[in-house]
Amino acid sequence: MKNDLIKFRVSKIENLIIKKKAEDSGVTVSELMRGLVFDYKLSHKLTAEEIECYQLLSKYADNFRRISNLFKLGDVDGFKKETLEASKQIREHLIKFK
């Protein structure tokens, strides 16, 4: 349980920057400070636009996978390989959002 309190002085600008960074990361100021001190990986919250892009890319990856399944019986001019590669690249980009 976290009961101890640490206080330190900052300028008004530093205070605003710290609060903004905490907000952008989706954490409290305390969590941000602990994360910085203990080298936790901090990331920012996804914007509505980023979430929409993630969902769209995920849908595209599923569609490419479905298309490639249509070619299980035979490879038509390398289309199956290209489709699987496109799906793989999309998945790799989706991992960056996590």
C-alpha atoms as a PDB file:
ATOM      1  CA  MET A   1       0.000   0.000   0.000  1.00  0.00           C
ATOM      2  CA  LYS A   2       1.303   3.423  -0.917  1.00  0.00           C
ATOM      3  CA  ASN A   3       1.135   5.681   2.133  1.00  0.00           C
ATOM      4  CA  ASP A   4       4.347   7.717   1.959  1.00  0.00           C
ATOM      5  CA  LEU A   5       4.268  11.120   0.314  1.00  0.00           C
ATOM      6  CA  ILE A   6       7.155  12.798  -1.514  1.00  0.00           C
ATOM      7  CA  LYS A   7       6.990  16.507  -2.311  1.00  0.00           C
ATOM      8  CA  PHE A   8       9.278  18.540  -4.539  1.00  0.00           C
ATOM      9  CA  ARG A   9       9.188  22.033  -5.929  1.00  0.00           C
ATOM     10  CA  VAL A  10       8.718  22.846  -9.596  1.00  0.00           C
ATOM     11  CA  SER A  11       8.058  25.999 -11.555  1.00  0.00           C
ATOM     12  CA  LYS A  12       4.597  26.786 -12.873  1.00  0.00           C
ATOM     13  CA  ILE A  13       5.679  25.770 -16.375  1.00  0.00           C
ATOM     14  CA  GLU A  14       7.196  22.500 -15.142  1.00  0.00           C
ATOM     15  CA  ASN A  15       3.991  21.775 -13.232  1.00  0.00           C
ATOM     16  CA  LEU A  16       1.896  22.280 -16.372  1.00  0.00           C
ATOM     17  CA  ILE A  17       4.248  20.113 -18.448  1.00  0.00           C
ATOM     18  CA  ILE A  18       4.197  17.298 -15.880  1.00  0.00           C
ATOM     19  CA  LYS A  19       0.395  17.366 -15.680  1.00  0.00           C
ATOM     20  CA  LYS A  20       0.091  17.412 -19.486  1.00  0.00           C
ATOM     21  CA  LYS A  21       2.474  14.460 -19.878  1.00  0.00           C
ATOM     22  CA  ALA A  22       0.527  12.504 -17.260  1.00  0.00           C
ATOM     23  CA  GLU A  23      -2.755  13.297 -19.002  1.00  0.00           C
ATOM     24  CA  ASP A  24      -1.356  12.327 -22.419  1.00  0.00           C
ATOM     25  CA  SER A  25      -0.146   9.033 -20.965  1.00  0.00           C
ATOM     26  CA  GLY A  26      -3.486   8.350 -19.285  1.00  0.00           C
ATOM     27  CA  VAL A  27      -1.942   8.117 -15.817  1.00  0.00           C
ATOM     28  CA  THR A  28      -1.855  10.195 -12.663  1.00  0.00           C
ATOM     29  CA  VAL A  29       1.082  12.474 -11.885  1.00  0.00           C
ATOM     30  CA  SER A  30       2.156   9.977  -9.211  1.00  0.00           C
ATOM     31  CA  GLU A  31       2.104   7.096 -11.691  1.00  0.00           C
ATOM     32  CA  LEU A  32       4.050   9.199 -14.186  1.00  0.00           C
ATOM     33  CA  MET A  33       6.756  10.035 -11.649  1.00  0.00           C
ATOM     34  CA  ARG A  34       7.040   6.412 -10.483  1.00  0.00           C
ATOM     35  CA  GLY A  35       7.218   5.321 -14.118  1.00  0.00           C
ATOM     36  CA  LEU A  36      10.059   7.713 -14.852  1.00  0.00           C
ATOM     37  CA  VAL A  37      12.003   6.789 -11.726  1.00  0.00           C
ATOM     38  CA  PHE A  38      11.597   3.038 -12.167  1.00  0.00           C
ATOM     39  CA  ASP A  39      12.008   3.080 -15.982  1.00  0.00           C
ATOM     40  CA  TYR A  40       8.502   1.828 -16.718  1.00  0.00           C
ATOM     41  CA  LYS A  41       7.487   2.077 -20.344  1.00  0.00           C
ATOM     42  CA  LEU A  42       4.968   4.898 -20.595  1.00  0.00           C
ATOM     43  CA  SER A  43       2.839   5.404 -23.658  1.00  0.00           C
ATOM     44  CA  HIS A  44       0.203   7.915 -24.571  1.00  0.00           C
ATOM     45  CA  LYS A  45      -3.515   7.300 -24.849  1.00  0.00           C
ATOM     46  CA  LEU A  46      -4.752   6.653 -28.351  1.00  0.00           C
ATOM     47  CA  THR A  47      -6.751   9.428 -29.905  1.00  0.00           C
ATOM     48  CA  ALA A  48     -10.152   8.718 -31.430  1.00  0.00           C
ATOM     49  CA  GLU A  49      -8.524   8.956 -34.865  1.00  0.00           C
ATOM     50  CA  GLU A  50      -5.803   6.446 -33.916  1.00  0.00           C
ATOM     51  CA  ILE A  51      -8.414   4.033 -32.579  1.00  0.00           C
ATOM     52  CA  GLU A  52     -10.390   4.358 -35.798  1.00  0.00           C
ATOM     53  CA  CYS A  53      -7.237   3.680 -37.865  1.00  0.00           C
ATOM     54  CA  TYR A  54      -6.419   0.643 -35.729  1.00  0.00           C
ATOM     55  CA  GLN A  55      -9.906  -0.775 -36.218  1.00  0.00           C
ATOM     56  CA  LEU A  56      -9.770  -0.145 -39.955  1.00  0.00           C
ATOM     57  CA  LEU A  57      -6.336  -1.765 -40.338  1.00  0.00           C
ATOM     58  CA  SER A  58      -7.507  -4.723 -38.291  1.00  0.00           C
ATOM     59  CA  LYS A  59     -10.501  -5.122 -40.600  1.00  0.00           C
ATOM     60  CA  TYR A  60      -8.225  -4.921 -43.668  1.00  0.00           C
ATOM     61  CA  ALA A  61      -5.900  -7.563 -42.228  1.00  0.00           C
ATOM     62  CA  ASP A  62      -8.869  -9.890 -41.662  1.00  0.00           C
ATOM     63  CA  ASN A  63     -10.080  -9.304 -45.220  1.00  0.00           C
ATOM     64  CA  PHE A  64      -6.655 -10.064 -46.684  1.00  0.00           C
ATOM     65  CA  ARG A  65      -6.521 -13.263 -44.649  1.00  0.00           C
ATOM     66  CA  ARG A  66      -9.947 -14.279 -45.958  1.00  0.00           C
ATOM     67  CA  ILE A  67      -8.908 -13.566 -49.537  1.00  0.00           C
ATOM     68  CA  SER A  68      -5.786 -15.672 -49.133  1.00  0.00           C
ATOM     69  CA  ASN A  69      -7.952 -18.543 -47.853  1.00  0.00           C
ATOM     70  CA  LEU A  70      -9.797 -18.474 -51.170  1.00  0.00           C
ATOM     71  CA  PHE A  71      -6.583 -19.518 -52.901  1.00  0.00           C
ATOM     72  CA  LYS A  72      -5.822 -22.569 -50.752  1.00  0.00           C
ATOM     73  CA  LEU A  73      -6.341 -24.923 -53.672  1.00  0.00           C
ATOM     74  CA  GLY A  74      -3.768 -23.243 -55.854  1.00  0.00           C
ATOM     75  CA  ASP A  75      -1.558 -20.216 -56.146  1.00  0.00           C
ATOM     76  CA  VAL A  76      -2.803 -17.910 -58.902  1.00  0.00           C
ATOM     77  CA  ASP A  77       0.197 -15.888 -60.149  1.00  0.00           C
ATOM     78  CA  GLY A  78       1.635 -15.425 -56.669  1.00  0.00           C
ATOM     79  CA  PHE A  79      -1.474 -13.542 -55.528  1.00  0.00           C
ATOM     80  CA  LYS A  80      -1.808 -15.668 -52.413  1.00  0.00           C
ATOM     81  CA  LYS A  81       1.773 -14.918 -51.341  1.00  0.00           C
ATOM     82  CA  GLU A  82       1.358 -11.182 -51.911  1.00  0.00           C
ATOM     83  CA  THR A  83      -1.929 -11.142 -50.014  1.00  0.00           C
ATOM     84  CA  LEU A  84      -0.400 -12.941 -47.025  1.00  0.00           C
ATOM     85  CA  GLU A  85       2.566 -10.556 -47.065  1.00  0.00           C
ATOM     86  CA  ALA A  86       0.254  -7.513 -47.086  1.00  0.00           C
ATOM     87  CA  SER A  87      -1.677  -8.984 -44.171  1.00  0.00           C
ATOM     88  CA  LYS A  88       1.581  -9.609 -42.274  1.00  0.00           C
ATOM     89  CA  GLN A  89       2.768  -6.036 -42.819  1.00  0.00           C
ATOM     90  CA  ILE A  90      -0.540  -4.629 -41.586  1.00  0.00           C
ATOM     91  CA  ARG A  91      -0.333  -6.795 -38.443  1.00  0.00           C
ATOM     92  CA  GLU A  92       3.202  -5.519 -37.788  1.00  0.00           C
ATOM     93  CA  HIS A  93       1.947  -1.937 -37.982  1.00  0.00           C
ATOM     94  CA  LEU A  94      -0.968  -2.781 -35.670  1.00  0.00           C
ATOM     95  CA  ILE A  95       1.485  -4.062 -33.052  1.00  0.00           C
ATOM     96  CA  LYS A  96       2.950  -0.541 -32.850  1.00  0.00           C
ATOM     97  CA  PHE A  97      -0.426   0.748 -31.611  1.00  0.00           C
ATOM     98  CA  LYS A  98      -0.455  -1.593 -28.617  1.00  0.00           C
END
